[in-house]
PDB file of N, CA and C in Angstrom:
ATOM      1  N   MET A   1       0.832  -1.175   0.000  1.00  0.00           N
ATOM      2  CA  MET A   1       0.000   0.000   0.000  1.00  0.00           C
ATOM      3  C   MET A   1       0.884   1.249   0.000  1.00  0.00           C
ATOM      4  N   PRO A   2       0.458   2.286  -0.679  1.00  0.00           N
ATOM      5  CA  PRO A   2       1.215   3.534  -0.665  1.00  0.00           C
ATOM      6  C   PRO A   2       1.199   4.166   0.724  1.00  0.00           C
ATOM      7  N   SER A   3       2.129   5.045   0.952  1.00  0.00           N
ATOM      8  CA  SER A   3       2.147   5.756   2.232  1.00  0.00           C
ATOM      9  C   SER A   3       2.393   7.233   1.970  1.00  0.00           C
ATOM     10  N   GLY A   4       2.553   7.994   3.046  1.00  0.00           N
ATOM     11  CA  GLY A   4       2.812   9.414   2.920  1.00  0.00           C
ATOM     12  C   GLY A   4       1.675  10.135   2.239  1.00  0.00           C
ATOM     13  N   ALA A   5       2.003  11.036   1.315  1.00  0.00           N
ATOM     14  CA  ALA A   5       0.992  11.837   0.627  1.00  0.00           C
ATOM     15  C   ALA A   5       0.031  10.964  -0.174  1.00  0.00           C
ATOM     16  N   ALA A   6       0.530   9.868  -0.729  1.00  0.00           N
ATOM     17  CA  ALA A   6      -0.344   8.980  -1.520  1.00  0.00           C
ATOM     18  C   ALA A   6      -1.451   8.385  -0.660  1.00  0.00           C
ATOM     19  N   ALA A   7      -1.168   8.164   0.617  1.00  0.00           N
ATOM     20  CA  ALA A   7      -2.175   7.606   1.512  1.00  0.00           C
ATOM     21  C   ALA A   7      -3.319   8.580   1.752  1.00  0.00           C
ATOM     22  N   GLN A   8      -3.090   9.853   1.515  1.00  0.00           N
ATOM     23  CA  GLN A   8      -4.122  10.867   1.708  1.00  0.00           C
ATOM     24  C   GLN A   8      -4.951  11.105   0.453  1.00  0.00           C
ATOM     25  N   ASP A   9      -4.594  10.458  -0.643  1.00  0.00           N
ATOM     26  CA  ASP A   9      -5.305  10.629  -1.903  1.00  0.00           C
ATOM     27  C   ASP A   9      -6.579   9.774  -1.891  1.00  0.00           C
ATOM     28  N   THR A  10      -7.711  10.411  -1.704  1.00  0.00           N
ATOM     29  CA  THR A  10      -8.977   9.685  -1.584  1.00  0.00           C
ATOM     30  C   THR A  10      -9.441   9.056  -2.901  1.00  0.00           C
ATOM     31  N   SER A  11      -8.756   9.374  -3.980  1.00  0.00           N
ATOM     32  CA  SER A  11      -9.138   8.771  -5.259  1.00  0.00           C
ATOM     33  C   SER A  11      -8.574   7.354  -5.415  1.00  0.00           C
ATOM     34  N   LEU A  12      -7.745   6.926  -4.494  1.00  0.00           N
ATOM     35  CA  LEU A  12      -7.143   5.593  -4.586  1.00  0.00           C
ATOM     36  C   LEU A  12      -8.087   4.522  -4.029  1.00  0.00           C
ATOM     37  N   THR A  13      -9.295   4.488  -4.526  1.00  0.00           N
ATOM     38  CA  THR A  13     -10.295   3.548  -4.009  1.00  0.00           C
ATOM     39  C   THR A  13      -9.976   2.100  -4.372  1.00  0.00           C
ATOM     40  N   TYR A  14      -9.107   1.883  -5.366  1.00  0.00           N
ATOM     41  CA  TYR A  14      -8.739   0.514  -5.706  1.00  0.00           C
ATOM     42  C   TYR A  14      -8.121  -0.190  -4.499  1.00  0.00           C
ATOM     43  N   ALA A  15      -7.390   0.544  -3.675  1.00  0.00           N
ATOM     44  CA  ALA A  15      -6.773  -0.053  -2.486  1.00  0.00           C
ATOM     45  C   ALA A  15      -7.846  -0.474  -1.485  1.00  0.00           C
ATOM     46  N   ASP A  16      -8.851   0.370  -1.304  1.00  0.00           N
ATOM     47  CA  ASP A  16      -9.953   0.036  -0.398  1.00  0.00           C
ATOM     48  C   ASP A  16     -10.701  -1.202  -0.895  1.00  0.00           C
ATOM     49  N   ASP A  17     -11.002  -1.219  -2.186  1.00  0.00           N
ATOM     50  CA  ASP A  17     -11.718  -2.354  -2.773  1.00  0.00           C
ATOM     51  C   ASP A  17     -10.910  -3.642  -2.612  1.00  0.00           C
ATOM     52  N   TYR A  18      -9.629  -3.555  -2.831  1.00  0.00           N
ATOM     53  CA  TYR A  18      -8.749  -4.715  -2.699  1.00  0.00           C
ATOM     54  C   TYR A  18      -8.770  -5.243  -1.262  1.00  0.00           C
ATOM     55  N   LEU A  19      -8.686  -4.340  -0.289  1.00  0.00           N
ATOM     56  CA  LEU A  19      -8.699  -4.763   1.114  1.00  0.00           C
ATOM     57  C   LEU A  19     -10.019  -5.415   1.500  1.00  0.00           C
ATOM     58  N   VAL A  20     -11.118  -4.852   1.064  1.00  0.00           N
ATOM     59  CA  VAL A  20     -12.430  -5.434   1.361  1.00  0.00           C
ATOM     60  C   VAL A  20     -12.519  -6.851   0.788  1.00  0.00           C
ATOM     61  N   GLU A  21     -11.994  -7.036  -0.410  1.00  0.00           N
ATOM     62  CA  GLU A  21     -12.021  -8.356  -1.045  1.00  0.00           C
ATOM     63  C   GLU A  21     -11.091  -9.344  -0.329  1.00  0.00           C
ATOM     64  N   MET A  22      -9.913  -8.893   0.063  1.00  0.00           N
ATOM     65  CA  MET A  22      -8.900  -9.797   0.612  1.00  0.00           C
ATOM     66  C   MET A  22      -9.033 -10.051   2.118  1.00  0.00           C
ATOM     67  N   TYR A  23      -9.591  -9.111   2.855  1.00  0.00           N
ATOM     68  CA  TYR A  23      -9.610  -9.235   4.312  1.00  0.00           C
ATOM     69  C   TYR A  23     -10.185 -10.569   4.812  1.00  0.00           C
ATOM     70  N   PRO A  24     -11.290 -11.055   4.266  1.00  0.00           N
ATOM     71  CA  PRO A  24     -11.822 -12.336   4.769  1.00  0.00           C
ATOM     72  C   PRO A  24     -10.854 -13.511   4.604  1.00  0.00           C
ATOM     73  N   LYS A  25      -9.881 -13.376   3.719  1.00  0.00           N
ATOM     74  CA  LYS A  25      -8.926 -14.454   3.457  1.00  0.00           C
ATOM     75  C   LYS A  25      -7.663 -14.344   4.311  1.00  0.00           C
ATOM     76  N   LEU A  26      -7.519 -13.251   5.055  1.00  0.00           N
ATOM     77  CA  LEU A  26      -6.285 -12.998   5.803  1.00  0.00           C
ATOM     78  C   LEU A  26      -6.312 -13.603   7.202  1.00  0.00           C
ATOM     79  N   HIS A  27      -5.154 -14.060   7.639  1.00  0.00           N
ATOM     80  CA  HIS A  27      -5.000 -14.426   9.051  1.00  0.00           C
ATOM     81  C   HIS A  27      -4.887 -13.159   9.889  1.00  0.00           C
ATOM     82  N   TYR A  28      -4.140 -12.181   9.376  1.00  0.00           N
ATOM     83  CA  TYR A  28      -3.908 -10.920  10.083  1.00  0.00           C
ATOM     84  C   TYR A  28      -3.964  -9.766   9.102  1.00  0.00           C
ATOM     85  N   LEU A  29      -4.420  -8.629   9.587  1.00  0.00           N
ATOM     86  CA  LEU A  29      -4.294  -7.369   8.873  1.00  0.00           C
ATOM     87  C   LEU A  29      -3.424  -6.486   9.755  1.00  0.00           C
ATOM     88  N   ILE A  30      -2.260  -6.127   9.263  1.00  0.00           N
ATOM     89  CA  ILE A  30      -1.323  -5.316  10.034  1.00  0.00           C
ATOM     90  C   ILE A  30      -1.131  -3.997   9.310  1.00  0.00           C
ATOM     91  N   SER A  31      -1.336  -2.899  10.027  1.00  0.00           N
ATOM     92  CA  SER A  31      -1.127  -1.586   9.418  1.00  0.00           C
ATOM     93  C   SER A  31      -0.230  -0.753  10.320  1.00  0.00           C
ATOM     94  N   ILE A  32       0.595   0.021   9.688  1.00  0.00           N
ATOM     95  CA  ILE A  32       1.543   0.873  10.406  1.00  0.00           C
ATOM     96  C   ILE A  32       1.511   2.259   9.779  1.00  0.00           C
ATOM     97  N   CYS A  33       1.419   3.248  10.634  1.00  0.00           N
ATOM     98  CA  CYS A  33       1.511   4.656  10.265  1.00  0.00           C
ATOM     99  C   CYS A  33       0.414   5.026   9.269  1.00  0.00           C
ATOM    100  N   THR A  34       0.739   5.799   8.258  1.00  0.00           N
ATOM    101  CA  THR A  34      -0.276   6.344   7.362  1.00  0.00           C
ATOM    102  C   THR A  34      -0.974   5.279   6.529  1.00  0.00           C
ATOM    103  N   ARG A  35      -0.401   4.091   6.429  1.00  0.00           N
ATOM    104  CA  ARG A  35      -1.065   3.034   5.659  1.00  0.00           C
ATOM    105  C   ARG A  35      -2.378   2.594   6.304  1.00  0.00           C
ATOM    106  N   ALA A  36      -2.595   2.962   7.556  1.00  0.00           N
ATOM    107  CA  ALA A  36      -3.852   2.619   8.229  1.00  0.00           C
ATOM    108  C   ALA A  36      -5.042   3.316   7.590  1.00  0.00           C
ATOM    109  N   VAL A  37      -4.782   4.328   6.795  1.00  0.00           N
ATOM    110  CA  VAL A  37      -5.878   5.056   6.168  1.00  0.00           C
ATOM    111  C   VAL A  37      -6.653   4.161   5.191  1.00  0.00           C
ATOM    112  N   PHE A  38      -5.995   3.198   4.583  1.00  0.00           N
ATOM    113  CA  PHE A  38      -6.678   2.341   3.603  1.00  0.00           C
ATOM    114  C   PHE A  38      -7.690   1.402   4.249  1.00  0.00           C
ATOM    115  N   PRO A  39      -7.322   0.632   5.269  1.00  0.00           N
ATOM    116  CA  PRO A  39      -8.358  -0.172   5.915  1.00  0.00           C
ATOM    117  C   PRO A  39      -9.418   0.686   6.599  1.00  0.00           C
ATOM    118  N   THR A  40      -9.052   1.900   7.001  1.00  0.00           N
ATOM    119  CA  THR A  40     -10.031   2.804   7.594  1.00  0.00           C
ATOM    120  C   THR A  40     -11.067   3.201   6.549  1.00  0.00           C
ATOM    121  N   HIS A  41     -10.601   3.650   5.382  1.00  0.00           N
ATOM    122  CA  HIS A  41     -11.525   4.026   4.296  1.00  0.00           C
ATOM    123  C   HIS A  41     -12.383   2.840   3.873  1.00  0.00           C
ATOM    124  N   ALA A  42     -11.804   1.647   3.936  1.00  0.00           N
ATOM    125  CA  ALA A  42     -12.526   0.450   3.514  1.00  0.00           C
ATOM    126  C   ALA A  42     -13.542  -0.009   4.565  1.00  0.00           C
ATOM    127  N   GLY A  43     -13.530   0.624   5.746  1.00  0.00           N
ATOM    128  CA  GLY A  43     -14.481   0.277   6.800  1.00  0.00           C
ATOM    129  C   GLY A  43     -14.059  -0.908   7.654  1.00  0.00           C
ATOM    130  N   LEU A  44     -12.831  -1.383   7.472  1.00  0.00           N
ATOM    131  CA  LEU A  44     -12.390  -2.569   8.204  1.00  0.00           C
ATOM    132  C   LEU A  44     -12.094  -2.297   9.678  1.00  0.00           C
ATOM    133  N   TYR A  45     -11.902  -1.037  10.037  1.00  0.00           N
ATOM    134  CA  TYR A  45     -11.619  -0.712  11.436  1.00  0.00           C
ATOM    135  C   TYR A  45     -12.854  -0.222  12.183  1.00  0.00           C
ATOM    136  N   ASP A  46     -13.967  -0.115  11.508  1.00  0.00           N
ATOM    137  CA  ASP A  46     -15.172   0.379  12.173  1.00  0.00           C
ATOM    138  C   ASP A  46     -15.492  -0.475  13.396  1.00  0.00           C
ATOM    139  N   GLY A  47     -15.617   0.177  14.526  1.00  0.00           N
ATOM    140  CA  GLY A  47     -15.901  -0.517  15.774  1.00  0.00           C
ATOM    141  C   GLY A  47     -14.715  -1.258  16.345  1.00  0.00           C
ATOM    142  N   ARG A  48     -13.550  -1.059  15.781  1.00  0.00           N
ATOM    143  CA  ARG A  48     -12.366  -1.792  16.211  1.00  0.00           C
ATOM    144  C   ARG A  48     -11.252  -0.827  16.569  1.00  0.00           C
ATOM    145  N   ALA A  49     -10.069  -1.088  16.021  1.00  0.00           N
ATOM    146  CA  ALA A  49      -8.868  -0.359  16.407  1.00  0.00           C
ATOM    147  C   ALA A  49      -8.839   1.080  15.879  1.00  0.00           C
ATOM    148  N   TYR A  50      -9.530   1.363  14.797  1.00  0.00           N
ATOM    149  CA  TYR A  50      -9.505   2.697  14.213  1.00  0.00           C
ATOM    150  C   TYR A  50     -10.685   2.803  13.270  1.00  0.00           C
ATOM    151  N   GLY A  51     -11.378   3.883  13.290  1.00  0.00           N
ATOM    152  CA  GLY A  51     -12.519   4.050  12.393  1.00  0.00           C
ATOM    153  C   GLY A  51     -13.686   4.642  13.134  1.00  0.00           C
ATOM    154  N   ASN A  52     -14.896   4.367  12.683  1.00  0.00           N
ATOM    155  CA  ASN A  52     -16.093   4.865  13.355  1.00  0.00           C
ATOM    156  C   ASN A  52     -16.350   4.046  14.616  1.00  0.00           C
ATOM    157  N   ASN A  53     -16.941   4.685  15.619  1.00  0.00           N
ATOM    158  CA  ASN A  53     -17.294   4.002  16.872  1.00  0.00           C
ATOM    159  C   ASN A  53     -16.091   3.310  17.501  1.00  0.00           C
ATOM    160  N   VAL A  54     -15.016   4.045  17.673  1.00  0.00           N
ATOM    161  CA  VAL A  54     -13.757   3.488  18.158  1.00  0.00           C
ATOM    162  C   VAL A  54     -13.354   4.137  19.469  1.00  0.00           C
ATOM    163  N   THR A  55     -12.759   3.340  20.338  1.00  0.00           N
ATOM    164  CA  THR A  55     -12.105   3.879  21.523  1.00  0.00           C
ATOM    165  C   THR A  55     -10.614   3.884  21.232  1.00  0.00           C
ATOM    166  N   ARG A  56     -10.039   5.059  21.103  1.00  0.00           N
ATOM    167  CA  ARG A  56      -8.612   5.156  20.816  1.00  0.00           C
ATOM    168  C   ARG A  56      -7.816   4.894  22.084  1.00  0.00           C
ATOM    169  N   VAL A  57      -6.705   4.189  21.933  1.00  0.00           N
ATOM    170  CA  VAL A  57      -5.830   3.863  23.055  1.00  0.00           C
ATOM    171  C   VAL A  57      -4.545   4.667  22.861  1.00  0.00           C
ATOM    172  N   ILE A  58      -4.546   5.871  23.394  1.00  0.00           N
ATOM    173  CA  ILE A  58      -3.440   6.797  23.153  1.00  0.00           C
ATOM    174  C   ILE A  58      -2.128   6.286  23.721  1.00  0.00           C
ATOM    175  N   VAL A  59      -2.161   5.652  24.880  1.00  0.00           N
ATOM    176  CA  VAL A  59      -0.908   5.251  25.522  1.00  0.00           C
ATOM    177  C   VAL A  59      -0.333   3.957  24.953  1.00  0.00           C
ATOM    178  N   ALA A  60      -1.011   3.308  24.056  1.00  0.00           N
ATOM    179  CA  ALA A  60      -0.515   2.050  23.494  1.00  0.00           C
ATOM    180  C   ALA A  60       0.528   2.316  22.414  1.00  0.00           C
ATOM    181  N   ARG A  61       1.562   1.484  22.384  1.00  0.00           N
ATOM    182  CA  ARG A  61       2.544   1.535  21.294  1.00  0.00           C
ATOM    183  C   ARG A  61       1.904   0.962  20.032  1.00  0.00           C
ATOM    184  N   TYR A  62       1.107  -0.060  20.250  1.00  0.00           N
ATOM    185  CA  TYR A  62       0.347  -0.668  19.157  1.00  0.00           C
ATOM    186  C   TYR A  62      -0.865  -1.353  19.767  1.00  0.00           C
ATOM    187  N   VAL A  63      -1.834  -1.642  18.913  1.00  0.00           N
ATOM    188  CA  VAL A  63      -3.091  -2.221  19.377  1.00  0.00           C
ATOM    189  C   VAL A  63      -3.333  -3.522  18.625  1.00  0.00           C
ATOM    190  N   ILE A  64      -3.747  -4.536  19.378  1.00  0.00           N
ATOM    191  CA  ILE A  64      -4.154  -5.807  18.785  1.00  0.00           C
ATOM    192  C   ILE A  64      -5.639  -5.963  19.081  1.00  0.00           C
ATOM    193  N   ASP A  65      -6.430  -6.070  18.028  1.00  0.00           N
ATOM    194  CA  ASP A  65      -7.869  -6.252  18.170  1.00  0.00           C
ATOM    195  C   ASP A  65      -8.264  -7.414  17.269  1.00  0.00           C
ATOM    196  N   GLY A  66      -8.301  -8.601  17.864  1.00  0.00           N
ATOM    197  CA  GLY A  66      -8.563  -9.792  17.054  1.00  0.00           C
ATOM    198  C   GLY A  66      -7.417 -10.012  16.093  1.00  0.00           C
ATOM    199  N   ASN A  67      -7.743 -10.089  14.818  1.00  0.00           N
ATOM    200  CA  ASN A  67      -6.685 -10.300  13.825  1.00  0.00           C
ATOM    201  C   ASN A  67      -6.219  -8.995  13.183  1.00  0.00           C
ATOM    202  N   ILE A  68      -6.614  -7.878  13.756  1.00  0.00           N
ATOM    203  CA  ILE A  68      -6.168  -6.577  13.258  1.00  0.00           C
ATOM    204  C   ILE A  68      -5.144  -6.005  14.228  1.00  0.00           C
ATOM    205  N   TRP A  69      -3.967  -5.747  13.712  1.00  0.00           N
ATOM    206  CA  TRP A  69      -2.867  -5.171  14.487  1.00  0.00           C
ATOM    207  C   TRP A  69      -2.557  -3.812  13.876  1.00  0.00           C
ATOM    208  N   SER A  70      -2.492  -2.764  14.702  1.00  0.00           N
ATOM    209  CA  SER A  70      -2.194  -1.435  14.177  1.00  0.00           C
ATOM    210  C   SER A  70      -1.201  -0.722  15.076  1.00  0.00           C
ATOM    211  N   SER A  71      -0.383   0.076  14.431  1.00  0.00           N
ATOM    212  CA  SER A  71       0.654   0.816  15.139  1.00  0.00           C
ATOM    213  C   SER A  71       0.862   2.152  14.456  1.00  0.00           C
ATOM    214  N   SER A  72       1.040   3.178  15.266  1.00  0.00           N
ATOM    215  CA  SER A  72       1.333   4.479  14.678  1.00  0.00           C
ATOM    216  C   SER A  72       2.810   4.588  14.321  1.00  0.00           C
ATOM    217  N   GLY A  73       3.668   3.993  15.092  1.00  0.00           N
ATOM    218  CA  GLY A  73       5.088   4.101  14.793  1.00  0.00           C
ATOM    219  C   GLY A  73       5.931   3.028  15.443  1.00  0.00           C
ATOM    220  N   ALA A  74       5.367   2.228  16.301  1.00  0.00           N
ATOM    221  CA  ALA A  74       6.118   1.185  17.011  1.00  0.00           C
ATOM    222  C   ALA A  74       6.179  -0.081  16.167  1.00  0.00           C
ATOM    223  N   ARG A  75       6.596   0.101  14.932  1.00  0.00           N
ATOM    224  CA  ARG A  75       6.547  -1.006  13.983  1.00  0.00           C
ATOM    225  C   ARG A  75       7.437  -2.173  14.353  1.00  0.00           C
ATOM    226  N   VAL A  76       8.588  -1.919  14.958  1.00  0.00           N
ATOM    227  CA  VAL A  76       9.474  -3.023  15.334  1.00  0.00           C
ATOM    228  C   VAL A  76       8.854  -3.818  16.469  1.00  0.00           C
ATOM    229  N   ASP A  77       8.321  -3.129  17.467  1.00  0.00           N
ATOM    230  CA  ASP A  77       7.697  -3.825  18.585  1.00  0.00           C
ATOM    231  C   ASP A  77       6.488  -4.634  18.123  1.00  0.00           C
ATOM    232  N   LEU A  78       5.658  -4.052  17.288  1.00  0.00           N
ATOM    233  CA  LEU A  78       4.501  -4.767  16.761  1.00  0.00           C
ATOM    234  C   LEU A  78       4.954  -5.993  15.983  1.00  0.00           C
ATOM    235  N   THR A  79       5.923  -5.832  15.110  1.00  0.00           N
ATOM    236  CA  THR A  79       6.396  -6.936  14.281  1.00  0.00           C
ATOM    237  C   THR A  79       7.000  -8.046  15.127  1.00  0.00           C
ATOM    238  N   LEU A  80       7.800  -7.693  16.114  1.00  0.00           N
ATOM    239  CA  LEU A  80       8.391  -8.722  16.967  1.00  0.00           C
ATOM    240  C   LEU A  80       7.332  -9.452  17.784  1.00  0.00           C
ATOM    241  N   ASP A  81       6.336  -8.736  18.251  1.00  0.00           N
ATOM    242  CA  ASP A  81       5.256  -9.394  18.991  1.00  0.00           C
ATOM    243  C   ASP A  81       4.506 -10.356  18.067  1.00  0.00           C
ATOM    244  N   TRP A  82       4.277  -9.942  16.833  1.00  0.00           N
ATOM    245  CA  TRP A  82       3.618 -10.807  15.862  1.00  0.00           C
ATOM    246  C   TRP A  82       4.453 -12.059  15.596  1.00  0.00           C
ATOM    247  N   VAL A  83       5.758 -11.897  15.420  1.00  0.00           N
ATOM    248  CA  VAL A  83       6.661 -13.043  15.215  1.00  0.00           C
ATOM    249  C   VAL A  83       6.574 -13.985  16.405  1.00  0.00           C
ATOM    250  N   LYS A  84       6.595 -13.430  17.596  1.00  0.00           N
ATOM    251  CA  LYS A  84       6.536 -14.237  18.824  1.00  0.00           C
ATOM    252  C   LYS A  84       5.234 -15.042  18.890  1.00  0.00           C
ATOM    253  N   GLN A  85       4.118 -14.433  18.488  1.00  0.00           N
ATOM    254  CA  GLN A  85       2.837 -15.128  18.563  1.00  0.00           C
ATOM    255  C   GLN A  85       2.616 -16.085  17.390  1.00  0.00           C
ATOM    256  N   TRP A  86       3.115 -15.732  16.211  1.00  0.00           N
ATOM    257  CA  TRP A  86       2.854 -16.538  15.024  1.00  0.00           C
ATOM    258  C   TRP A  86       3.832 -17.703  14.886  1.00  0.00           C
ATOM    259  N   TYR A  87       5.080 -17.460  15.269  1.00  0.00           N
ATOM    260  CA  TYR A  87       6.101 -18.497  15.146  1.00  0.00           C
ATOM    261  C   TYR A  87       6.395 -19.066  16.526  1.00  0.00           C
ATOM    262  N   GLU A  88       7.608 -18.915  16.978  1.00  0.00           N
ATOM    263  CA  GLU A  88       7.949 -19.433  18.297  1.00  0.00           C
ATOM    264  C   GLU A  88       8.912 -18.478  18.985  1.00  0.00           C
ATOM    265  N   GLU A  89       9.004 -18.612  20.270  1.00  0.00           N
ATOM    266  CA  GLU A  89       9.822 -17.690  21.069  1.00  0.00           C
ATOM    267  C   GLU A  89      11.291 -17.714  20.654  1.00  0.00           C
ATOM    268  N   ALA A  90      11.805 -18.860  20.230  1.00  0.00           N
ATOM    269  CA  ALA A  90      13.213 -18.951  19.832  1.00  0.00           C
ATOM    270  C   ALA A  90      13.512 -18.045  18.640  1.00  0.00           C
ATOM    271  N   ILE A  91      12.604 -18.015  17.668  1.00  0.00           N
ATOM    272  CA  ILE A  91      12.802 -17.142  16.502  1.00  0.00           C
ATOM    273  C   ILE A  91      12.722 -15.686  16.924  1.00  0.00           C
ATOM    274  N   PHE A  92      11.740 -15.360  17.749  1.00  0.00           N
ATOM    275  CA  PHE A  92      11.613 -14.011  18.292  1.00  0.00           C
ATOM    276  C   PHE A  92      12.908 -13.588  18.992  1.00  0.00           C
ATOM    277  N   ASN A  93      13.441 -14.450  19.853  1.00  0.00           N
ATOM    278  CA  ASN A  93      14.656 -14.117  20.595  1.00  0.00           C
ATOM    279  C   ASN A  93      15.866 -13.988  19.682  1.00  0.00           C
ATOM    280  N   THR A  94      15.958 -14.819  18.663  1.00  0.00           N
ATOM    281  CA  THR A  94      17.073 -14.705  17.713  1.00  0.00           C
ATOM    282  C   THR A  94      17.050 -13.345  17.029  1.00  0.00           C
ATOM    283  N   ILE A  95      15.880 -12.938  16.552  1.00  0.00           N
ATOM    284  CA  ILE A  95      15.768 -11.638  15.886  1.00  0.00           C
ATOM    285  C   ILE A  95      16.079 -10.506  16.866  1.00  0.00           C
ATOM    286  N   ARG A  96      15.500 -10.581  18.052  1.00  0.00           N
ATOM    287  CA  ARG A  96      15.688  -9.529  19.057  1.00  0.00           C
ATOM    288  C   ARG A  96      17.150  -9.403  19.458  1.00  0.00           C
ATOM    289  N   ILE A  97      17.792 -10.518  19.724  1.00  0.00           N
ATOM    290  CA  ILE A  97      19.182 -10.491  20.203  1.00  0.00           C
ATOM    291  C   ILE A  97      20.133 -10.084  19.086  1.00  0.00           C
ATOM    292  N   LYS A  98      20.010 -10.704  17.921  1.00  0.00           N
ATOM    293  CA  LYS A  98      20.918 -10.355  16.814  1.00  0.00           C
ATOM    294  C   LYS A  98      20.703  -8.926  16.341  1.00  0.00           C
ATOM    295  N   GLY A  99      19.480  -8.441  16.476  1.00  0.00           N
ATOM    296  CA  GLY A  99      19.198  -7.060  16.106  1.00  0.00           C
ATOM    297  C   GLY A  99      19.516  -6.070  17.215  1.00  0.00           C
ATOM    298  N   GLU A 100      19.946  -6.594  18.367  1.00  0.00           N
ATOM    299  CA  GLU A 100      20.273  -5.765  19.530  1.00  0.00           C
ATOM    300  C   GLU A 100      19.131  -4.796  19.833  1.00  0.00           C
ATOM    301  N   TYR A 101      17.917  -5.348  19.867  1.00  0.00           N
ATOM    302  CA  TYR A 101      16.734  -4.518  20.069  1.00  0.00           C
ATOM    303  C   TYR A 101      16.147  -4.744  21.450  1.00  0.00           C
ATOM    304  N   ILE A 102      15.855  -3.670  22.150  1.00  0.00           N
ATOM    305  CA  ILE A 102      15.180  -3.743  23.442  1.00  0.00           C
ATOM    306  C   ILE A 102      13.685  -3.623  23.170  1.00  0.00           C
ATOM    307  N   VAL A 103      12.971  -4.674  23.466  1.00  0.00           N
ATOM    308  CA  VAL A 103      11.540  -4.740  23.174  1.00  0.00           C
ATOM    309  C   VAL A 103      10.755  -3.935  24.201  1.00  0.00           C
ATOM    310  N   HIS A 104       9.791  -3.177  23.707  1.00  0.00           N
ATOM    311  CA  HIS A 104       8.864  -2.437  24.562  1.00  0.00           C
ATOM    312  C   HIS A 104       7.514  -3.131  24.502  1.00  0.00           C
ATOM    313  N   SER A 105       6.859  -3.210  25.630  1.00  0.00           N
ATOM    314  CA  SER A 105       5.561  -3.870  25.657  1.00  0.00           C
ATOM    315  C   SER A 105       4.517  -3.018  24.944  1.00  0.00           C
ATOM    316  N   GLN A 106       3.406  -3.632  24.682  1.00  0.00           N
ATOM    317  CA  GLN A 106       2.312  -2.992  23.959  1.00  0.00           C
ATOM    318  C   GLN A 106       1.844  -1.706  24.634  1.00  0.00           C
ATOM    319  N   ASP A 107       1.863  -1.671  25.951  1.00  0.00           N
ATOM    320  CA  ASP A 107       1.372  -0.489  26.677  1.00  0.00           C
ATOM    321  C   ASP A 107       2.495   0.397  27.211  1.00  0.00           C
ATOM    322  N   ASP A 108       3.705   0.242  26.693  1.00  0.00           N
ATOM    323  CA  ASP A 108       4.862   1.028  27.139  1.00  0.00           C
ATOM    324  C   ASP A 108       5.167   2.122  26.116  1.00  0.00           C
ATOM    325  N   ASN A 109       4.404   3.200  26.173  1.00  0.00           N
ATOM    326  CA  ASN A 109       4.577   4.298  25.231  1.00  0.00           C
ATOM    327  C   ASN A 109       4.665   5.608  25.995  1.00  0.00           C
ATOM    328  N   PRO A 110       5.865   6.101  26.230  1.00  0.00           N
ATOM    329  CA  PRO A 110       6.020   7.334  26.996  1.00  0.00           C
ATOM    330  C   PRO A 110       5.703   8.602  26.209  1.00  0.00           C
ATOM    331  N   LEU A 111       5.581   8.507  24.898  1.00  0.00           N
ATOM    332  CA  LEU A 111       5.431   9.712  24.088  1.00  0.00           C
ATOM    333  C   LEU A 111       4.196  10.551  24.399  1.00  0.00           C
ATOM    334  N   PRO A 112       3.013   9.971  24.632  1.00  0.00           N
ATOM    335  CA  PRO A 112       1.881  10.840  24.948  1.00  0.00           C
ATOM    336  C   PRO A 112       2.152  11.730  26.166  1.00  0.00           C
ATOM    337  N   ASP A 113       2.737  11.156  27.200  1.00  0.00           N
ATOM    338  CA  ASP A 113       3.055  11.964  28.381  1.00  0.00           C
ATOM    339  C   ASP A 113       4.125  12.999  28.063  1.00  0.00           C
ATOM    340  N   ASP A 114       5.155  12.567  27.330  1.00  0.00           N
ATOM    341  CA  ASP A 114       6.248  13.489  26.976  1.00  0.00           C
ATOM    342  C   ASP A 114       5.741  14.651  26.133  1.00  0.00           C
ATOM    343  N   LEU A 115       4.746  14.389  25.280  1.00  0.00           N
ATOM    344  CA  LEU A 115       4.223  15.410  24.387  1.00  0.00           C
ATOM    345  C   LEU A 115       2.990  16.132  24.932  1.00  0.00           C
ATOM    346  N   GLY A 116       2.532  15.683  26.118  1.00  0.00           N
ATOM    347  CA  GLY A 116       1.368  16.315  26.730  1.00  0.00           C
ATOM    348  C   GLY A 116       0.053  15.947  26.048  1.00  0.00           C
ATOM    349  N   VAL A 117       0.008  14.778  25.401  1.00  0.00           N
ATOM    350  CA  VAL A 117      -1.218  14.337  24.734  1.00  0.00           C
ATOM    351  C   VAL A 117      -2.123  13.659  25.742  1.00  0.00           C
ATOM    352  N   PRO A 118      -3.395  14.053  25.830  1.00  0.00           N
ATOM    353  CA  PRO A 118      -4.300  13.393  26.756  1.00  0.00           C
ATOM    354  C   PRO A 118      -4.462  11.917  26.419  1.00  0.00           C
ATOM    355  N   HIS A 119      -4.692  11.098  27.429  1.00  0.00           N
ATOM    356  CA  HIS A 119      -4.777   9.656  27.208  1.00  0.00           C
ATOM    357  C   HIS A 119      -6.106   9.228  26.599  1.00  0.00           C
ATOM    358  N   GLN A 120      -7.099  10.038  26.640  1.00  0.00           N
ATOM    359  CA  GLN A 120      -8.389   9.701  26.037  1.00  0.00           C
ATOM    360  C   GLN A 120      -8.779  10.786  25.047  1.00  0.00           C
ATOM    361  N   CYS A 121      -9.384  10.360  23.950  1.00  0.00           N
ATOM    362  CA  CYS A 121      -9.867  11.337  22.940  1.00  0.00           C
ATOM    363  C   CYS A 121     -11.356  11.431  23.027  1.00  0.00           C
TER     364      CYS A 121
END
C-alpha cells in the first residue's frame, strides 16, 4: 500500500476495494503509520482499532484487536510481537538479540506523556 501523501489521496479507491475483497482471506491485517488510512476508508476498522465508533488507546505503542494489528510508529515492537505469537519464542529471541533490540511492551509508550497528549480522545 502507498504511504505518505499517496495515503491521503482519496481517489485511490482501488486499495480500499482490494482490502475489502482480501480481508476475509487474511489471518492478520497489520497496518503501520499512514497506511492505516486504507483499511479505515474500507471500513475494516469500524468498531475496532480505528474508524467509526472506536475507543482510541493513546498510551498504546500498538493495538491488537482480534486479527487486526495497528501501530502508529512502534513497527518493530509490533512486528516482533507478531513473530513471537505466530512463530515461536526462539525465533523471536534470535531476531531480538541479533538485532540488539530492546523490546517495549504494547502499553509502554512514553510519548503521549512526553508530548502532553491526553490519554483519552
